[in-house]
Structure formats: C-alpha cells, structure tokens
C-alpha cells in the first residue's frame, strides 16, 4: 500500500495555510475579560463603531472581573483582596499591599 493510499486521497482538496497567531494585545485581553463602568461624562458613542477602541483609564470608575477561581492578591495572599486595584495589564492587588510595595521599593 502506498503512503498516499494509506492516508486517503487528497485529490480535489485545497490546502489553506494555517492562520498566523495574532500578537498579544493587553488592551484587547482586558476588554474581553473585564467589564468597565466609565464616567458619565464620557461620550460612549465613539465606541459603537469600534468595539476594540480603548478608553482612557482616568475615566474608569469600576472594573468588574468574572473569575471561575477566587481572586487573590499575589503580595498579601488576601482572598478576596481588600479594596482591590487592577493594573492596566490586568493584575489585581489589594490597595494596601500595592501601596506598601510602591513605598518600600519605589514607584511612581
């Protein structure tokens, strides 16, 4: 039996190149996995035509994060974190822990 016959005929089938993996985009990751409450002064109509458009973080009032596992601060190990704060890259910390870390190790 030939190799061609062993795997079945591919005659008439078109081969399409595999799609290239997309570059990781943290803003799209955040938009897909979190819900945001933004200030009422923001004109949200600008987002109607482009769902991938990112808003200004200064306009975010609340971030809602759905998770199948309990959220835990990686610094204090509090679960759930006390007064949780989310960074633009999606990490969640307790407010006291992140402030203590910034005061101890510097940061802006």
PDB file of N, CA and C in Angstrom:
ATOM      1  N   UNK A   1       0.857  -1.175   0.000  1.00  0.00           N
ATOM      2  CA  UNK A   1       0.000   0.000   0.000  1.00  0.00           C
ATOM      3  C   UNK A   1       0.900   1.233   0.000  1.00  0.00           C
ATOM      4  N   UNK A   2       0.567   2.156  -0.827  1.00  0.00           N
ATOM      5  CA  UNK A   2       1.383   3.360  -0.905  1.00  0.00           C
ATOM      6  C   UNK A   2       1.018   4.300   0.235  1.00  0.00           C
ATOM      7  N   UNK A   3       1.924   5.221   0.525  1.00  0.00           N
ATOM      8  CA  UNK A   3       1.662   6.197   1.594  1.00  0.00           C
ATOM      9  C   UNK A   3       0.439   7.041   1.266  1.00  0.00           C
ATOM     10  N   UNK A   4       0.281   7.381  -0.007  1.00  0.00           N
ATOM     11  CA  UNK A   4      -0.859   8.185  -0.445  1.00  0.00           C
ATOM     12  C   UNK A   4      -2.156   7.430  -0.181  1.00  0.00           C
ATOM     13  N   UNK A   5      -2.188   6.147  -0.472  1.00  0.00           N
ATOM     14  CA  UNK A   5      -3.401   5.348  -0.287  1.00  0.00           C
ATOM     15  C   UNK A   5      -3.663   5.101   1.189  1.00  0.00           C
ATOM     16  N   UNK A   6      -2.633   4.988   1.998  1.00  0.00           N
ATOM     17  CA  UNK A   6      -2.801   4.716   3.426  1.00  0.00           C
ATOM     18  C   UNK A   6      -3.471   5.880   4.146  1.00  0.00           C
ATOM     19  N   UNK A   7      -3.226   7.094   3.712  1.00  0.00           N
ATOM     20  CA  UNK A   7      -3.785   8.271   4.382  1.00  0.00           C
ATOM     21  C   UNK A   7      -5.021   8.816   3.679  1.00  0.00           C
ATOM     22  N   UNK A   8      -5.439   8.169   2.626  1.00  0.00           N
ATOM     23  CA  UNK A   8      -6.611   8.644   1.902  1.00  0.00           C
ATOM     24  C   UNK A   8      -6.196   9.627   0.823  1.00  0.00           C
ATOM     25  N   UNK A   9      -7.066   9.802  -0.113  1.00  0.00           N
ATOM     26  CA  UNK A   9      -6.765  10.681  -1.233  1.00  0.00           C
ATOM     27  C   UNK A   9      -7.009  12.128  -0.859  1.00  0.00           C
ATOM     28  N   UNK A  10      -6.116  12.986  -1.237  1.00  0.00           N
ATOM     29  CA  UNK A  10      -6.307  14.418  -1.007  1.00  0.00           C
ATOM     30  C   UNK A  10      -6.603  15.128  -2.313  1.00  0.00           C
ATOM     31  N   UNK A  11      -6.889  14.345  -3.350  1.00  0.00           N
ATOM     32  CA  UNK A  11      -7.194  14.943  -4.651  1.00  0.00           C
ATOM     33  C   UNK A  11      -8.458  15.786  -4.546  1.00  0.00           C
ATOM     34  N   UNK A  12      -8.417  16.951  -5.104  1.00  0.00           N
ATOM     35  CA  UNK A  12      -9.585  17.822  -5.081  1.00  0.00           C
ATOM     36  C   UNK A  12      -9.687  18.683  -3.830  1.00  0.00           C
ATOM     37  N   UNK A  13      -8.869  18.451  -2.824  1.00  0.00           N
ATOM     38  CA  UNK A  13      -8.904  19.269  -1.602  1.00  0.00           C
ATOM     39  C   UNK A  13      -7.892  20.388  -1.710  1.00  0.00           C
ATOM     40  N   UNK A  14      -8.311  21.586  -1.310  1.00  0.00           N
ATOM     41  CA  UNK A  14      -7.385  22.720  -1.304  1.00  0.00           C
ATOM     42  C   UNK A  14      -6.775  22.840   0.080  1.00  0.00           C
ATOM     43  N   UNK A  15      -5.528  23.116   0.109  1.00  0.00           N
ATOM     44  CA  UNK A  15      -4.847  23.324   1.395  1.00  0.00           C
ATOM     45  C   UNK A  15      -4.728  24.813   1.637  1.00  0.00           C
ATOM     46  N   UNK A  16      -5.164  25.243   2.800  1.00  0.00           N
ATOM     47  CA  UNK A  16      -5.053  26.645   3.179  1.00  0.00           C
ATOM     48  C   UNK A  16      -3.948  26.774   4.206  1.00  0.00           C
ATOM     49  N   UNK A  17      -3.168  27.821   4.107  1.00  0.00           N
ATOM     50  CA  UNK A  17      -2.105  27.990   5.115  1.00  0.00           C
ATOM     51  C   UNK A  17      -2.734  28.207   6.494  1.00  0.00           C
ATOM     52  N   UNK A  18      -2.049  27.720   7.494  1.00  0.00           N
ATOM     53  CA  UNK A  18      -2.515  27.899   8.875  1.00  0.00           C
ATOM     54  C   UNK A  18      -2.512  29.383   9.206  1.00  0.00           C
ATOM     55  N   UNK A  19      -3.541  29.855   9.940  1.00  0.00           N
ATOM     56  CA  UNK A  19      -3.555  31.284  10.295  1.00  0.00           C
ATOM     57  C   UNK A  19      -2.380  31.626  11.204  1.00  0.00           C
ATOM     58  N   UNK A  20      -1.832  32.794  10.969  1.00  0.00           N
ATOM     59  CA  UNK A  20      -0.717  33.246  11.804  1.00  0.00           C
ATOM     60  C   UNK A  20      -1.247  33.649  13.163  1.00  0.00           C
ATOM     61  N   UNK A  21      -0.563  33.286  14.232  1.00  0.00           N
ATOM     62  CA  UNK A  21      -1.014  33.714  15.555  1.00  0.00           C
ATOM     63  C   UNK A  21      -0.997  35.239  15.659  1.00  0.00           C
ATOM     64  N   UNK A  22      -2.022  35.775  16.316  1.00  0.00           N
ATOM     65  CA  UNK A  22      -2.087  37.219  16.477  1.00  0.00           C
ATOM     66  C   UNK A  22      -1.181  37.656  17.616  1.00  0.00           C
ATOM     67  N   UNK A  23      -0.649  38.858  17.477  1.00  0.00           N
ATOM     68  CA  UNK A  23       0.192  39.450  18.510  1.00  0.00           C
ATOM     69  C   UNK A  23      -0.654  39.686  19.753  1.00  0.00           C
ATOM     70  N   UNK A  24      -0.117  39.392  20.934  1.00  0.00           N
ATOM     71  CA  UNK A  24      -0.836  39.611  22.183  1.00  0.00           C
ATOM     72  C   UNK A  24      -1.057  41.108  22.386  1.00  0.00           C
ATOM     73  N   UNK A  25      -2.278  41.468  22.706  1.00  0.00           N
ATOM     74  CA  UNK A  25      -2.644  42.860  22.937  1.00  0.00           C
ATOM     75  C   UNK A  25      -3.324  42.931  24.294  1.00  0.00           C
ATOM     76  N   UNK A  26      -2.640  43.502  25.287  1.00  0.00           N
ATOM     77  CA  UNK A  26      -3.186  43.505  26.650  1.00  0.00           C
ATOM     78  C   UNK A  26      -4.495  44.278  26.746  1.00  0.00           C
ATOM     79  N   UNK A  27      -4.657  45.320  25.939  1.00  0.00           N
ATOM     80  CA  UNK A  27      -5.901  46.082  25.990  1.00  0.00           C
ATOM     81  C   UNK A  27      -7.071  45.243  25.496  1.00  0.00           C
ATOM     82  N   UNK A  28      -6.875  44.483  24.427  1.00  0.00           N
ATOM     83  CA  UNK A  28      -7.942  43.611  23.937  1.00  0.00           C
ATOM     84  C   UNK A  28      -8.228  42.493  24.937  1.00  0.00           C
ATOM     85  N   UNK A  29      -7.185  41.988  25.605  1.00  0.00           N
ATOM     86  CA  UNK A  29      -7.380  40.971  26.637  1.00  0.00           C
ATOM     87  C   UNK A  29      -8.249  41.529  27.763  1.00  0.00           C
ATOM     88  N   UNK A  30      -7.938  42.744  28.208  1.00  0.00           N
ATOM     89  CA  UNK A  30      -8.721  43.354  29.281  1.00  0.00           C
ATOM     90  C   UNK A  30     -10.162  43.574  28.849  1.00  0.00           C
ATOM     91  N   UNK A  31     -10.354  44.068  27.644  1.00  0.00           N
ATOM     92  CA  UNK A  31     -11.710  44.334  27.168  1.00  0.00           C
ATOM     93  C   UNK A  31     -12.520  43.045  27.039  1.00  0.00           C
ATOM     94  N   UNK A  32     -11.870  41.957  26.696  1.00  0.00           N
ATOM     95  CA  UNK A  32     -12.583  40.693  26.519  1.00  0.00           C
ATOM     96  C   UNK A  32     -12.893  40.012  27.842  1.00  0.00           C
ATOM     97  N   UNK A  33     -12.143  40.289  28.894  1.00  0.00           N
ATOM     98  CA  UNK A  33     -12.288  39.552  30.138  1.00  0.00           C
ATOM     99  C   UNK A  33     -12.814  40.361  31.317  1.00  0.00           C
ATOM    100  N   UNK A  34     -12.986  41.661  31.143  1.00  0.00           N
ATOM    101  CA  UNK A  34     -13.447  42.521  32.229  1.00  0.00           C
ATOM    102  C   UNK A  34     -14.577  43.408  31.724  1.00  0.00           C
ATOM    103  N   UNK A  35     -15.406  43.879  32.648  1.00  0.00           N
ATOM    104  CA  UNK A  35     -16.421  44.878  32.307  1.00  0.00           C
ATOM    105  C   UNK A  35     -16.059  46.154  33.041  1.00  0.00           C
ATOM    106  N   UNK A  36     -16.260  47.292  32.376  1.00  0.00           N
ATOM    107  CA  UNK A  36     -15.840  48.572  32.916  1.00  0.00           C
ATOM    108  C   UNK A  36     -17.020  49.513  33.049  1.00  0.00           C
ATOM    109  N   UNK A  37     -17.086  50.197  34.177  1.00  0.00           N
ATOM    110  CA  UNK A  37     -18.037  51.284  34.366  1.00  0.00           C
ATOM    111  C   UNK A  37     -17.236  52.562  34.198  1.00  0.00           C
ATOM    112  N   UNK A  38     -17.623  53.356  33.211  1.00  0.00           N
ATOM    113  CA  UNK A  38     -16.893  54.592  32.941  1.00  0.00           C
ATOM    114  C   UNK A  38     -17.723  55.795  33.358  1.00  0.00           C
ATOM    115  N   UNK A  39     -17.060  56.886  33.545  1.00  0.00           N
ATOM    116  CA  UNK A  39     -17.697  58.133  33.967  1.00  0.00           C
ATOM    117  C   UNK A  39     -18.814  58.520  32.998  1.00  0.00           C
ATOM    118  N   UNK A  40     -19.856  59.127  33.539  1.00  0.00           N
ATOM    119  CA  UNK A  40     -20.992  59.539  32.715  1.00  0.00           C
ATOM    120  C   UNK A  40     -20.631  60.692  31.779  1.00  0.00           C
ATOM    121  N   UNK A  41     -19.500  61.334  31.982  1.00  0.00           N
ATOM    122  CA  UNK A  41     -19.094  62.425  31.089  1.00  0.00           C
ATOM    123  C   UNK A  41     -18.473  61.906  29.784  1.00  0.00           C
ATOM    124  N   UNK A  42     -18.187  60.597  29.714  1.00  0.00           N
ATOM    125  CA  UNK A  42     -17.588  60.012  28.516  1.00  0.00           C
ATOM    126  C   UNK A  42     -18.673  59.805  27.462  1.00  0.00           C
ATOM    127  N   UNK A  43     -18.401  60.254  26.266  1.00  0.00           N
ATOM    128  CA  UNK A  43     -19.319  60.038  25.149  1.00  0.00           C
ATOM    129  C   UNK A  43     -19.069  58.635  24.611  1.00  0.00           C
ATOM    130  N   UNK A  44     -19.909  57.684  24.987  1.00  0.00           N
ATOM    131  CA  UNK A  44     -19.696  56.283  24.613  1.00  0.00           C
ATOM    132  C   UNK A  44     -20.054  55.980  23.169  1.00  0.00           C
ATOM    133  N   UNK A  45     -20.651  56.922  22.457  1.00  0.00           N
ATOM    134  CA  UNK A  45     -20.999  56.684  21.046  1.00  0.00           C
ATOM    135  C   UNK A  45     -19.758  56.409  20.208  1.00  0.00           C
ATOM    136  N   UNK A  46     -18.610  56.931  20.632  1.00  0.00           N
ATOM    137  CA  UNK A  46     -17.373  56.720  19.876  1.00  0.00           C
ATOM    138  C   UNK A  46     -16.955  55.249  19.870  1.00  0.00           C
ATOM    139  N   UNK A  47     -17.489  54.451  20.808  1.00  0.00           N
ATOM    140  CA  UNK A  47     -17.143  53.036  20.898  1.00  0.00           C
ATOM    141  C   UNK A  47     -18.124  52.158  20.132  1.00  0.00           C
ATOM    142  N   UNK A  48     -19.255  52.716  19.699  1.00  0.00           N
ATOM    143  CA  UNK A  48     -20.267  51.933  18.992  1.00  0.00           C
ATOM    144  C   UNK A  48     -19.753  51.384  17.671  1.00  0.00           C
ATOM    145  N   UNK A  49     -18.953  52.144  16.968  1.00  0.00           N
ATOM    146  CA  UNK A  49     -18.462  51.715  15.658  1.00  0.00           C
ATOM    147  C   UNK A  49     -17.145  50.944  15.745  1.00  0.00           C
ATOM    148  N   UNK A  50     -16.480  50.967  16.890  1.00  0.00           N
ATOM    149  CA  UNK A  50     -15.207  50.266  17.043  1.00  0.00           C
ATOM    150  C   UNK A  50     -15.115  49.694  18.449  1.00  0.00           C
ATOM    151  N   UNK A  51     -15.539  48.452  18.600  1.00  0.00           N
ATOM    152  CA  UNK A  51     -15.555  47.816  19.919  1.00  0.00           C
ATOM    153  C   UNK A  51     -14.155  47.587  20.479  1.00  0.00           C
ATOM    154  N   UNK A  52     -13.133  47.599  19.628  1.00  0.00           N
ATOM    155  CA  UNK A  52     -11.756  47.388  20.090  1.00  0.00           C
ATOM    156  C   UNK A  52     -11.088  48.674  20.560  1.00  0.00           C
ATOM    157  N   UNK A  53     -11.759  49.782  20.405  1.00  0.00           N
ATOM    158  CA  UNK A  53     -11.174  51.061  20.838  1.00  0.00           C
ATOM    159  C   UNK A  53     -11.099  51.084  22.361  1.00  0.00           C
ATOM    160  N   UNK A  54      -9.946  51.476  22.882  1.00  0.00           N
ATOM    161  CA  UNK A  54      -9.749  51.507  24.333  1.00  0.00           C
ATOM    162  C   UNK A  54     -10.047  52.902  24.852  1.00  0.00           C
ATOM    163  N   UNK A  55     -10.651  52.961  25.997  1.00  0.00           N
ATOM    164  CA  UNK A  55     -10.974  54.235  26.627  1.00  0.00           C
ATOM    165  C   UNK A  55      -9.833  54.681  27.528  1.00  0.00           C
ATOM    166  N   UNK A  56      -9.912  55.873  28.021  1.00  0.00           N
ATOM    167  CA  UNK A  56      -8.885  56.432  28.903  1.00  0.00           C
ATOM    168  C   UNK A  56      -9.088  55.867  30.312  1.00  0.00           C
ATOM    169  N   UNK A  57      -8.026  55.342  30.896  1.00  0.00           N
ATOM    170  CA  UNK A  57      -8.127  54.743  32.235  1.00  0.00           C
ATOM    171  C   UNK A  57      -8.583  55.755  33.280  1.00  0.00           C
ATOM    172  N   UNK A  58      -8.344  57.041  33.061  1.00  0.00           N
ATOM    173  CA  UNK A  58      -8.793  58.056  34.017  1.00  0.00           C
ATOM    174  C   UNK A  58     -10.313  58.134  34.081  1.00  0.00           C
ATOM    175  N   UNK A  59     -11.003  57.609  33.059  1.00  0.00           N
ATOM    176  CA  UNK A  59     -12.463  57.628  33.030  1.00  0.00           C
ATOM    177  C   UNK A  59     -13.098  56.391  33.662  1.00  0.00           C
ATOM    178  N   UNK A  60     -12.301  55.398  34.042  1.00  0.00           N
ATOM    179  CA  UNK A  60     -12.826  54.150  34.611  1.00  0.00           C
ATOM    180  C   UNK A  60     -13.152  54.355  36.087  1.00  0.00           C
ATOM    181  N   UNK A  61     -14.398  54.050  36.456  1.00  0.00           N
ATOM    182  CA  UNK A  61     -14.833  54.166  37.845  1.00  0.00           C
ATOM    183  C   UNK A  61     -14.821  52.823  38.556  1.00  0.00           C
ATOM    184  N   UNK A  62     -15.103  51.753  37.812  1.00  0.00           N
ATOM    185  CA  UNK A  62     -15.226  50.426  38.413  1.00  0.00           C
ATOM    186  C   UNK A  62     -14.868  49.377  37.380  1.00  0.00           C
ATOM    187  N   UNK A  63     -14.187  48.312  37.816  1.00  0.00           N
ATOM    188  CA  UNK A  63     -13.856  47.186  36.951  1.00  0.00           C
ATOM    189  C   UNK A  63     -14.518  45.952  37.543  1.00  0.00           C
ATOM    190  N   UNK A  64     -15.291  45.237  36.722  1.00  0.00           N
ATOM    191  CA  UNK A  64     -15.944  44.005  37.146  1.00  0.00           C
ATOM    192  C   UNK A  64     -15.204  42.851  36.498  1.00  0.00           C
ATOM    193  N   UNK A  65     -14.748  41.926  37.340  1.00  0.00           N
ATOM    194  CA  UNK A  65     -13.953  40.804  36.853  1.00  0.00           C
ATOM    195  C   UNK A  65     -14.642  39.506  37.216  1.00  0.00           C
ATOM    196  N   UNK A  66     -15.062  38.749  36.216  1.00  0.00           N
ATOM    197  CA  UNK A  66     -15.640  37.433  36.449  1.00  0.00           C
ATOM    198  C   UNK A  66     -14.503  36.418  36.454  1.00  0.00           C
ATOM    199  N   UNK A  67     -14.503  35.550  37.443  1.00  0.00           N
ATOM    200  CA  UNK A  67     -13.435  34.572  37.550  1.00  0.00           C
ATOM    201  C   UNK A  67     -14.003  33.264  38.087  1.00  0.00           C
ATOM    202  N   UNK A  68     -13.550  32.151  37.520  1.00  0.00           N
ATOM    203  CA  UNK A  68     -14.000  30.844  37.994  1.00  0.00           C
ATOM    204  C   UNK A  68     -13.255  30.420  39.257  1.00  0.00           C
ATOM    205  N   UNK A  69     -12.153  31.110  39.553  1.00  0.00           N
ATOM    206  CA  UNK A  69     -11.395  30.826  40.775  1.00  0.00           C
ATOM    207  C   UNK A  69     -11.363  32.087  41.627  1.00  0.00           C
ATOM    208  N   UNK A  70     -11.234  31.943  42.940  1.00  0.00           N
ATOM    209  CA  UNK A  70     -11.181  33.135  43.798  1.00  0.00           C
ATOM    210  C   UNK A  70      -9.990  34.028  43.435  1.00  0.00           C
ATOM    211  N   UNK A  71     -10.229  35.322  43.444  1.00  0.00           N
ATOM    212  CA  UNK A  71      -9.175  36.292  43.153  1.00  0.00           C
ATOM    213  C   UNK A  71      -8.342  36.474  44.414  1.00  0.00           C
ATOM    214  N   UNK A  72      -7.031  36.445  44.267  1.00  0.00           N
ATOM    215  CA  UNK A  72      -6.123  36.547  45.404  1.00  0.00           C
ATOM    216  C   UNK A  72      -5.031  37.559  45.094  1.00  0.00           C
ATOM    217  N   UNK A  73      -4.744  38.417  46.072  1.00  0.00           N
ATOM    218  CA  UNK A  73      -3.647  39.367  45.918  1.00  0.00           C
ATOM    219  C   UNK A  73      -2.330  38.587  45.934  1.00  0.00           C
ATOM    220  N   UNK A  74      -1.482  38.740  44.911  1.00  0.00           N
ATOM    221  CA  UNK A  74      -0.224  37.998  44.880  1.00  0.00           C
ATOM    222  C   UNK A  74       0.809  38.490  45.893  1.00  0.00           C
ATOM    223  N   UNK A  75       0.569  39.643  46.509  1.00  0.00           N
ATOM    224  CA  UNK A  75       1.509  40.151  47.517  1.00  0.00           C
ATOM    225  C   UNK A  75       1.097  39.690  48.913  1.00  0.00           C
ATOM    226  N   UNK A  76      -0.140  40.003  49.309  1.00  0.00           N
ATOM    227  CA  UNK A  76      -0.595  39.681  50.669  1.00  0.00           C
ATOM    228  C   UNK A  76      -1.277  38.329  50.772  1.00  0.00           C
ATOM    229  N   UNK A  77      -1.641  37.736  49.641  1.00  0.00           N
ATOM    230  CA  UNK A  77      -2.376  36.480  49.540  1.00  0.00           C
ATOM    231  C   UNK A  77      -3.795  36.581  50.095  1.00  0.00           C
ATOM    232  N   UNK A  78      -4.302  37.830  50.271  1.00  0.00           N
ATOM    233  CA  UNK A  78      -5.681  38.042  50.692  1.00  0.00           C
ATOM    234  C   UNK A  78      -6.613  37.555  49.585  1.00  0.00           C
ATOM    235  N   UNK A  79      -7.667  36.853  49.992  1.00  0.00           N
ATOM    236  CA  UNK A  79      -8.655  36.392  49.028  1.00  0.00           C
ATOM    237  C   UNK A  79     -10.041  36.570  49.619  1.00  0.00           C
ATOM    238  N   UNK A  80     -10.822  37.467  49.106  1.00  0.00           N
ATOM    239  CA  UNK A  80     -10.528  38.407  48.022  1.00  0.00           C
ATOM    240  C   UNK A  80      -9.673  39.562  48.530  1.00  0.00           C
ATOM    241  N   UNK A  81      -8.983  40.241  47.644  1.00  0.00           N
ATOM    242  CA  UNK A  81      -8.144  41.364  48.059  1.00  0.00           C
ATOM    243  C   UNK A  81      -8.984  42.485  48.676  1.00  0.00           C
ATOM    244  N   UNK A  82      -8.451  43.090  49.733  1.00  0.00           N
ATOM    245  CA  UNK A  82      -9.113  44.217  50.381  1.00  0.00           C
ATOM    246  C   UNK A  82      -8.948  45.445  49.491  1.00  0.00           C
ATOM    247  N   UNK A  83     -10.038  46.092  49.124  1.00  0.00           N
ATOM    248  CA  UNK A  83     -10.044  47.258  48.238  1.00  0.00           C
ATOM    249  C   UNK A  83      -9.208  46.955  46.987  1.00  0.00           C
ATOM    250  N   UNK A  84      -9.652  45.983  46.177  1.00  0.00           N
ATOM    251  CA  UNK A  84      -8.844  45.536  45.036  1.00  0.00           C
ATOM    252  C   UNK A  84      -8.580  46.638  44.024  1.00  0.00           C
ATOM    253  N   UNK A  85      -7.390  46.617  43.479  1.00  0.00           N
ATOM    254  CA  UNK A  85      -6.950  47.561  42.456  1.00  0.00           C
ATOM    255  C   UNK A  85      -6.464  46.744  41.272  1.00  0.00           C
ATOM    256  N   UNK A  86      -6.859  47.149  40.074  1.00  0.00           N
ATOM    257  CA  UNK A  86      -6.415  46.447  38.869  1.00  0.00           C
ATOM    258  C   UNK A  86      -5.436  47.334  38.117  1.00  0.00           C
ATOM    259  N   UNK A  87      -4.367  46.739  37.653  1.00  0.00           N
ATOM    260  CA  UNK A  87      -3.378  47.473  36.872  1.00  0.00           C
ATOM    261  C   UNK A  87      -3.788  47.433  35.402  1.00  0.00           C
ATOM    262  N   UNK A  88      -3.255  48.329  34.569  1.00  0.00           N
ATOM    263  CA  UNK A  88      -3.597  48.301  33.142  1.00  0.00           C
ATOM    264  C   UNK A  88      -3.246  46.980  32.456  1.00  0.00           C
ATOM    265  N   UNK A  89      -2.388  46.168  33.074  1.00  0.00           N
ATOM    266  CA  UNK A  89      -2.052  44.878  32.462  1.00  0.00           C
ATOM    267  C   UNK A  89      -2.941  43.747  32.969  1.00  0.00           C
ATOM    268  N   UNK A  90      -3.877  44.046  33.892  1.00  0.00           N
ATOM    269  CA  UNK A  90      -4.840  43.048  34.326  1.00  0.00           C
ATOM    270  C   UNK A  90      -4.538  42.369  35.644  1.00  0.00           C
ATOM    271  N   UNK A  91      -3.462  42.731  36.321  1.00  0.00           N
ATOM    272  CA  UNK A  91      -3.164  42.137  37.628  1.00  0.00           C
ATOM    273  C   UNK A  91      -4.018  42.809  38.698  1.00  0.00           C
ATOM    274  N   UNK A  92      -4.443  42.035  39.688  1.00  0.00           N
ATOM    275  CA  UNK A  92      -5.291  42.547  40.759  1.00  0.00           C
ATOM    276  C   UNK A  92      -4.532  42.446  42.079  1.00  0.00           C
ATOM    277  N   UNK A  93      -4.466  43.571  42.800  1.00  0.00           N
ATOM    278  CA  UNK A  93      -3.771  43.644  44.083  1.00  0.00           C
ATOM    279  C   UNK A  93      -4.687  44.284  45.103  1.00  0.00           C
ATOM    280  N   UNK A  94      -4.420  44.006  46.395  1.00  0.00           N
ATOM    281  CA  UNK A  94      -5.120  44.768  47.430  1.00  0.00           C
ATOM    282  C   UNK A  94      -4.452  46.143  47.485  1.00  0.00           C
ATOM    283  N   UNK A  95      -5.246  47.170  47.739  1.00  0.00           N
ATOM    284  CA  UNK A  95      -4.737  48.537  47.727  1.00  0.00           C
ATOM    285  C   UNK A  95      -3.576  48.708  48.712  1.00  0.00           C
ATOM    286  N   UNK A  96      -3.741  48.209  49.928  1.00  0.00           N
ATOM    287  CA  UNK A  96      -2.688  48.344  50.936  1.00  0.00           C
ATOM    288  C   UNK A  96      -1.387  47.671  50.525  1.00  0.00           C
ATOM    289  N   UNK A  97      -1.491  46.508  49.917  1.00  0.00           N
ATOM    290  CA  UNK A  97      -0.287  45.773  49.503  1.00  0.00           C
ATOM    291  C   UNK A  97       0.463  46.483  48.391  1.00  0.00           C
ATOM    292  N   UNK A  98      -0.265  46.968  47.400  1.00  0.00           N
ATOM    293  CA  UNK A  98       0.418  47.622  46.284  1.00  0.00           C
ATOM    294  C   UNK A  98       1.021  48.955  46.742  1.00  0.00           C
ATOM    295  N   UNK A  99       0.341  49.674  47.642  1.00  0.00           N
ATOM    296  CA  UNK A  99       0.900  50.928  48.152  1.00  0.00           C
ATOM    297  C   UNK A  99       2.145  50.671  48.997  1.00  0.00           C
ATOM    298  N   UNK A 100       2.093  49.635  49.845  1.00  0.00           N
ATOM    299  CA  UNK A 100       3.266  49.282  50.667  1.00  0.00           C
ATOM    300  C   UNK A 100       4.442  48.902  49.772  1.00  0.00           C
ATOM    301  N   UNK A 101       4.168  48.135  48.735  1.00  0.00           N
ATOM    302  CA  UNK A 101       5.228  47.733  47.820  1.00  0.00           C
ATOM    303  C   UNK A 101       5.838  48.955  47.120  1.00  0.00           C
ATOM    304  N   UNK A 102       4.980  49.865  46.660  1.00  0.00           N
ATOM    305  CA  UNK A 102       5.488  51.052  45.975  1.00  0.00           C
ATOM    306  C   UNK A 102       6.294  51.950  46.907  1.00  0.00           C
ATOM    307  N   UNK A 103       5.861  52.081  48.172  1.00  0.00           N
ATOM    308  CA  UNK A 103       6.602  52.923  49.136  1.00  0.00           C
ATOM    309  C   UNK A 103       7.927  52.263  49.502  1.00  0.00           C
ATOM    310  N   UNK A 104       7.952  50.944  49.603  1.00  0.00           N
ATOM    311  CA  UNK A 104       9.161  50.239  50.014  1.00  0.00           C
ATOM    312  C   UNK A 104      10.168  50.141  48.874  1.00  0.00           C
ATOM    313  N   UNK A 105       9.664  49.866  47.667  1.00  0.00           N
ATOM    314  CA  UNK A 105      10.562  49.613  46.530  1.00  0.00           C
ATOM    315  C   UNK A 105      10.577  50.743  45.504  1.00  0.00           C
ATOM    316  N   UNK A 106       9.917  51.810  45.805  1.00  0.00           N
ATOM    317  CA  UNK A 106       9.871  52.936  44.871  1.00  0.00           C
ATOM    318  C   UNK A 106       8.855  52.713  43.775  1.00  0.00           C
ATOM    319  N   UNK A 107       8.476  53.738  43.177  1.00  0.00           N
ATOM    320  CA  UNK A 107       7.497  53.647  42.091  1.00  0.00           C
ATOM    321  C   UNK A 107       6.765  54.972  41.971  1.00  0.00           C
ATOM    322  N   UNK A 108       6.214  55.176  40.814  1.00  0.00           N
ATOM    323  CA  UNK A 108       5.505  56.432  40.588  1.00  0.00           C
ATOM    324  C   UNK A 108       4.023  56.212  40.634  1.00  0.00           C
TER     325      UNK A 108
END
